[in-house]
PDB file of N, CA and C in Angstrom:
ATOM      1  N   MET A   1      29.421   5.218 -17.823  1.00  0.00           N
ATOM      2  CA  MET A   1      28.078   5.745 -17.578  1.00  0.00           C
ATOM      3  C   MET A   1      27.270   4.754 -16.737  1.00  0.00           C
ATOM      4  N   THR A   2      26.396   5.271 -15.947  1.00  0.00           N
ATOM      5  CA  THR A   2      25.534   4.414 -15.140  1.00  0.00           C
ATOM      6  C   THR A   2      24.240   4.143 -15.883  1.00  0.00           C
ATOM      7  N   LYS A   3      23.599   3.078 -15.488  1.00  0.00           N
ATOM      8  CA  LYS A   3      22.318   2.739 -16.098  1.00  0.00           C
ATOM      9  C   LYS A   3      21.232   3.615 -15.487  1.00  0.00           C
ATOM     10  N   LYS A   4      20.624   4.438 -16.273  1.00  0.00           N
ATOM     11  CA  LYS A   4      19.586   5.332 -15.768  1.00  0.00           C
ATOM     12  C   LYS A   4      18.214   4.664 -15.739  1.00  0.00           C
ATOM     13  N   LYS A   5      18.072   3.523 -16.419  1.00  0.00           N
ATOM     14  CA  LYS A   5      16.779   2.838 -16.426  1.00  0.00           C
ATOM     15  C   LYS A   5      16.466   2.252 -15.052  1.00  0.00           C
ATOM     16  N   ASN A   6      17.467   1.816 -14.306  1.00  0.00           N
ATOM     17  CA  ASN A   6      17.233   1.176 -13.012  1.00  0.00           C
ATOM     18  C   ASN A   6      17.198   2.178 -11.858  1.00  0.00           C
ATOM     19  N   ALA A   7      17.493   3.434 -12.120  1.00  0.00           N
ATOM     20  CA  ALA A   7      17.544   4.422 -11.046  1.00  0.00           C
ATOM     21  C   ALA A   7      16.200   4.585 -10.329  1.00  0.00           C
ATOM     22  N   PRO A   8      15.071   4.767 -11.007  1.00  0.00           N
ATOM     23  CA  PRO A   8      13.799   4.915 -10.283  1.00  0.00           C
ATOM     24  C   PRO A   8      13.425   3.645  -9.512  1.00  0.00           C
ATOM     25  N   LYS A   9      13.661   2.477 -10.099  1.00  0.00           N
ATOM     26  CA  LYS A   9      13.334   1.227  -9.426  1.00  0.00           C
ATOM     27  C   LYS A   9      14.171   1.069  -8.166  1.00  0.00           C
ATOM     28  N   TYR A  10      15.411   1.450  -8.225  1.00  0.00           N
ATOM     29  CA  TYR A  10      16.292   1.345  -7.066  1.00  0.00           C
ATOM     30  C   TYR A  10      15.813   2.261  -5.940  1.00  0.00           C
ATOM     31  N   LYS A  11      15.328   3.435  -6.278  1.00  0.00           N
ATOM     32  CA  LYS A  11      14.840   4.361  -5.256  1.00  0.00           C
ATOM     33  C   LYS A  11      13.529   3.888  -4.643  1.00  0.00           C
ATOM     34  N   ILE A  12      12.671   3.266  -5.427  1.00  0.00           N
ATOM     35  CA  ILE A  12      11.375   2.801  -4.936  1.00  0.00           C
ATOM     36  C   ILE A  12      11.542   1.598  -4.009  1.00  0.00           C
ATOM     37  N   GLU A  13      12.530   0.745  -4.255  1.00  0.00           N
ATOM     38  CA  GLU A  13      12.710  -0.457  -3.441  1.00  0.00           C
ATOM     39  C   GLU A  13      12.986  -0.115  -1.984  1.00  0.00           C
ATOM     40  N   GLY A  14      13.596   1.026  -1.724  1.00  0.00           N
ATOM     41  CA  GLY A  14      13.864   1.419  -0.354  1.00  0.00           C
ATOM     42  C   GLY A  14      12.609   1.779   0.419  1.00  0.00           C
ATOM     43  N   PHE A  15      11.541   2.130  -0.258  1.00  0.00           N
ATOM     44  CA  PHE A  15      10.292   2.531   0.385  1.00  0.00           C
ATOM     45  C   PHE A  15       9.257   1.416   0.395  1.00  0.00           C
ATOM     46  N   ARG A  16       9.648   0.192   0.109  1.00  0.00           N
ATOM     47  CA  ARG A  16       8.689  -0.904   0.035  1.00  0.00           C
ATOM     48  C   ARG A  16       7.972  -1.111   1.368  1.00  0.00           C
ATOM     49  N   GLY A  17       8.708  -1.059   2.465  1.00  0.00           N
ATOM     50  CA  GLY A  17       8.091  -1.214   3.784  1.00  0.00           C
ATOM     51  C   GLY A  17       7.103  -0.110   4.086  1.00  0.00           C
ATOM     52  N   VAL A  18       7.418   1.099   3.656  1.00  0.00           N
ATOM     53  CA  VAL A  18       6.517   2.230   3.880  1.00  0.00           C
ATOM     54  C   VAL A  18       5.231   2.034   3.088  1.00  0.00           C
ATOM     55  N   PHE A  19       5.345   1.574   1.851  1.00  0.00           N
ATOM     56  CA  PHE A  19       4.155   1.345   1.026  1.00  0.00           C
ATOM     57  C   PHE A  19       3.277   0.252   1.627  1.00  0.00           C
ATOM     58  N   VAL A  20       3.876  -0.817   2.116  1.00  0.00           N
ATOM     59  CA  VAL A  20       3.103  -1.901   2.732  1.00  0.00           C
ATOM     60  C   VAL A  20       2.398  -1.401   3.990  1.00  0.00           C
ATOM     61  N   PHE A  21       3.103  -0.604   4.784  1.00  0.00           N
ATOM     62  CA  PHE A  21       2.504  -0.048   6.003  1.00  0.00           C
ATOM     63  C   PHE A  21       1.321   0.853   5.671  1.00  0.00           C
ATOM     64  N   LEU A  22       1.495   1.742   4.696  1.00  0.00           N
ATOM     65  CA  LEU A  22       0.408   2.649   4.327  1.00  0.00           C
ATOM     66  C   LEU A  22      -0.781   1.896   3.743  1.00  0.00           C
ATOM     67  N   PHE A  23      -0.512   0.832   2.973  1.00  0.00           N
ATOM     68  CA  PHE A  23      -1.587   0.024   2.413  1.00  0.00           C
ATOM     69  C   PHE A  23      -2.382  -0.644   3.532  1.00  0.00           C
ATOM     70  N   GLY A  24      -1.685  -1.214   4.496  1.00  0.00           N
ATOM     71  CA  GLY A  24      -2.355  -1.867   5.615  1.00  0.00           C
ATOM     72  C   GLY A  24      -3.129  -0.885   6.474  1.00  0.00           C
ATOM     73  N   LEU A  25      -2.527   0.258   6.757  1.00  0.00           N
ATOM     74  CA  LEU A  25      -3.197   1.278   7.559  1.00  0.00           C
ATOM     75  C   LEU A  25      -4.453   1.789   6.860  1.00  0.00           C
ATOM     76  N   SER A  26      -4.373   1.972   5.554  1.00  0.00           N
ATOM     77  CA  SER A  26      -5.530   2.422   4.790  1.00  0.00           C
ATOM     78  C   SER A  26      -6.652   1.391   4.857  1.00  0.00           C
ATOM     79  N   GLY A  27      -6.306   0.120   4.747  1.00  0.00           N
ATOM     80  CA  GLY A  27      -7.309  -0.937   4.828  1.00  0.00           C
ATOM     81  C   GLY A  27      -7.997  -0.980   6.182  1.00  0.00           C
ATOM     82  N   ILE A  28      -7.207  -0.828   7.245  1.00  0.00           N
ATOM     83  CA  ILE A  28      -7.784  -0.844   8.591  1.00  0.00           C
ATOM     84  C   ILE A  28      -8.715   0.356   8.791  1.00  0.00           C
ATOM     85  N   ILE A  29      -8.307   1.507   8.340  1.00  0.00           N
ATOM     86  CA  ILE A  29      -9.151   2.704   8.480  1.00  0.00           C
ATOM     87  C   ILE A  29     -10.448   2.537   7.694  1.00  0.00           C
ATOM     88  N   ASN A  30     -10.374   1.965   6.509  1.00  0.00           N
ATOM     89  CA  ASN A  30     -11.587   1.759   5.712  1.00  0.00           C
ATOM     90  C   ASN A  30     -12.539   0.778   6.387  1.00  0.00           C
ATOM     91  N   ILE A  31     -12.011  -0.280   6.972  1.00  0.00           N
ATOM     92  CA  ILE A  31     -12.860  -1.250   7.672  1.00  0.00           C
ATOM     93  C   ILE A  31     -13.528  -0.596   8.873  1.00  0.00           C
ATOM     94  N   LEU A  32     -12.757   0.202   9.630  1.00  0.00           N
ATOM     95  CA  LEU A  32     -13.340   0.891  10.777  1.00  0.00           C
ATOM     96  C   LEU A  32     -14.400   1.910  10.349  1.00  0.00           C
ATOM     97  N   ALA A  33     -14.200   2.545   9.221  1.00  0.00           N
ATOM     98  CA  ALA A  33     -15.180   3.516   8.737  1.00  0.00           C
ATOM     99  C   ALA A  33     -16.473   2.827   8.319  1.00  0.00           C
ATOM    100  N   LEU A  34     -16.393   1.616   7.809  1.00  0.00           N
ATOM    101  CA  LEU A  34     -17.589   0.893   7.369  1.00  0.00           C
ATOM    102  C   LEU A  34     -18.308   0.181   8.509  1.00  0.00           C
ATOM    103  N   THR A  35     -17.655   0.030   9.656  1.00  0.00           N
ATOM    104  CA  THR A  35     -18.249  -0.709  10.771  1.00  0.00           C
ATOM    105  C   THR A  35     -19.567  -0.088  11.215  1.00  0.00           C
ATOM    106  N   GLY A  36     -19.608   1.229  11.347  1.00  0.00           N
ATOM    107  CA  GLY A  36     -20.841   1.894  11.770  1.00  0.00           C
ATOM    108  C   GLY A  36     -21.970   1.697  10.771  1.00  0.00           C
ATOM    109  N   ALA A  37     -21.657   1.760   9.498  1.00  0.00           N
ATOM    110  CA  ALA A  37     -22.691   1.579   8.478  1.00  0.00           C
ATOM    111  C   ALA A  37     -23.250   0.158   8.506  1.00  0.00           C
ATOM    112  N   PHE A  38     -22.371  -0.834   8.668  1.00  0.00           N
ATOM    113  CA  PHE A  38     -22.848  -2.221   8.742  1.00  0.00           C
ATOM    114  C   PHE A  38     -23.687  -2.445   9.995  1.00  0.00           C
ATOM    115  N   TYR A  39     -23.303  -1.834  11.094  1.00  0.00           N
ATOM    116  CA  TYR A  39     -24.064  -1.963  12.333  1.00  0.00           C
ATOM    117  C   TYR A  39     -25.462  -1.366  12.178  1.00  0.00           C
ATOM    118  N   MET A  40     -25.544  -0.170  11.609  1.00  0.00           N
ATOM    119  CA  MET A  40     -26.839   0.469  11.411  1.00  0.00           C
ATOM    120  C   MET A  40     -27.693  -0.330  10.431  1.00  0.00           C
ATOM    121  N   MET A  41     -27.076  -0.936   9.437  1.00  0.00           N
ATOM    122  CA  MET A  41     -27.817  -1.741   8.473  1.00  0.00           C
ATOM    123  C   MET A  41     -28.417  -2.969   9.166  1.00  0.00           C
ATOM    124  N   GLN A  42     -27.688  -3.570  10.093  1.00  0.00           N
ATOM    125  CA  GLN A  42     -28.196  -4.731  10.815  1.00  0.00           C
ATOM    126  C   GLN A  42     -29.342  -4.345  11.743  1.00  0.00           C
ATOM    127  N   ILE A  43     -29.239  -3.178  12.359  1.00  0.00           N
ATOM    128  CA  ILE A  43     -30.313  -2.747  13.284  1.00  0.00           C
ATOM    129  C   ILE A  43     -31.594  -2.461  12.506  1.00  0.00           C
ATOM    130  N   THR A  44     -31.482  -1.777  11.383  1.00  0.00           N
ATOM    131  CA  THR A  44     -32.695  -1.374  10.653  1.00  0.00           C
ATOM    132  C   THR A  44     -33.349  -2.545   9.922  1.00  0.00           C
ATOM    133  N   THR A  45     -32.614  -3.578   9.584  1.00  0.00           N
ATOM    134  CA  THR A  45     -33.188  -4.721   8.887  1.00  0.00           C
ATOM    135  C   THR A  45     -33.495  -5.868   9.831  1.00  0.00           C
ATOM    136  N   GLU A  46     -33.529  -5.585  11.136  1.00  0.00           N
ATOM    137  CA  GLU A  46     -33.724  -6.624  12.126  1.00  0.00           C
ATOM    138  C   GLU A  46     -35.156  -7.120  12.203  1.00  0.00           C
ATOM    139  N   ARG A  47     -36.094  -6.272  11.855  1.00  0.00           N
ATOM    140  CA  ARG A  47     -37.508  -6.607  12.028  1.00  0.00           C
ATOM    141  C   ARG A  47     -37.976  -7.651  11.084  1.00  0.00           C
TER     142      ARG A  47
END
């Protein structure tokens, strides 16, 4: 019999690069989405 406890972990290890890529892409998109808000905050509090 094969060990069924390690089966999900073995399948997830193959997608590690994909998870890292998606995490990084999500972070970049979030930073770009906040850029406009930070810019507007600086303009309105300039006085």
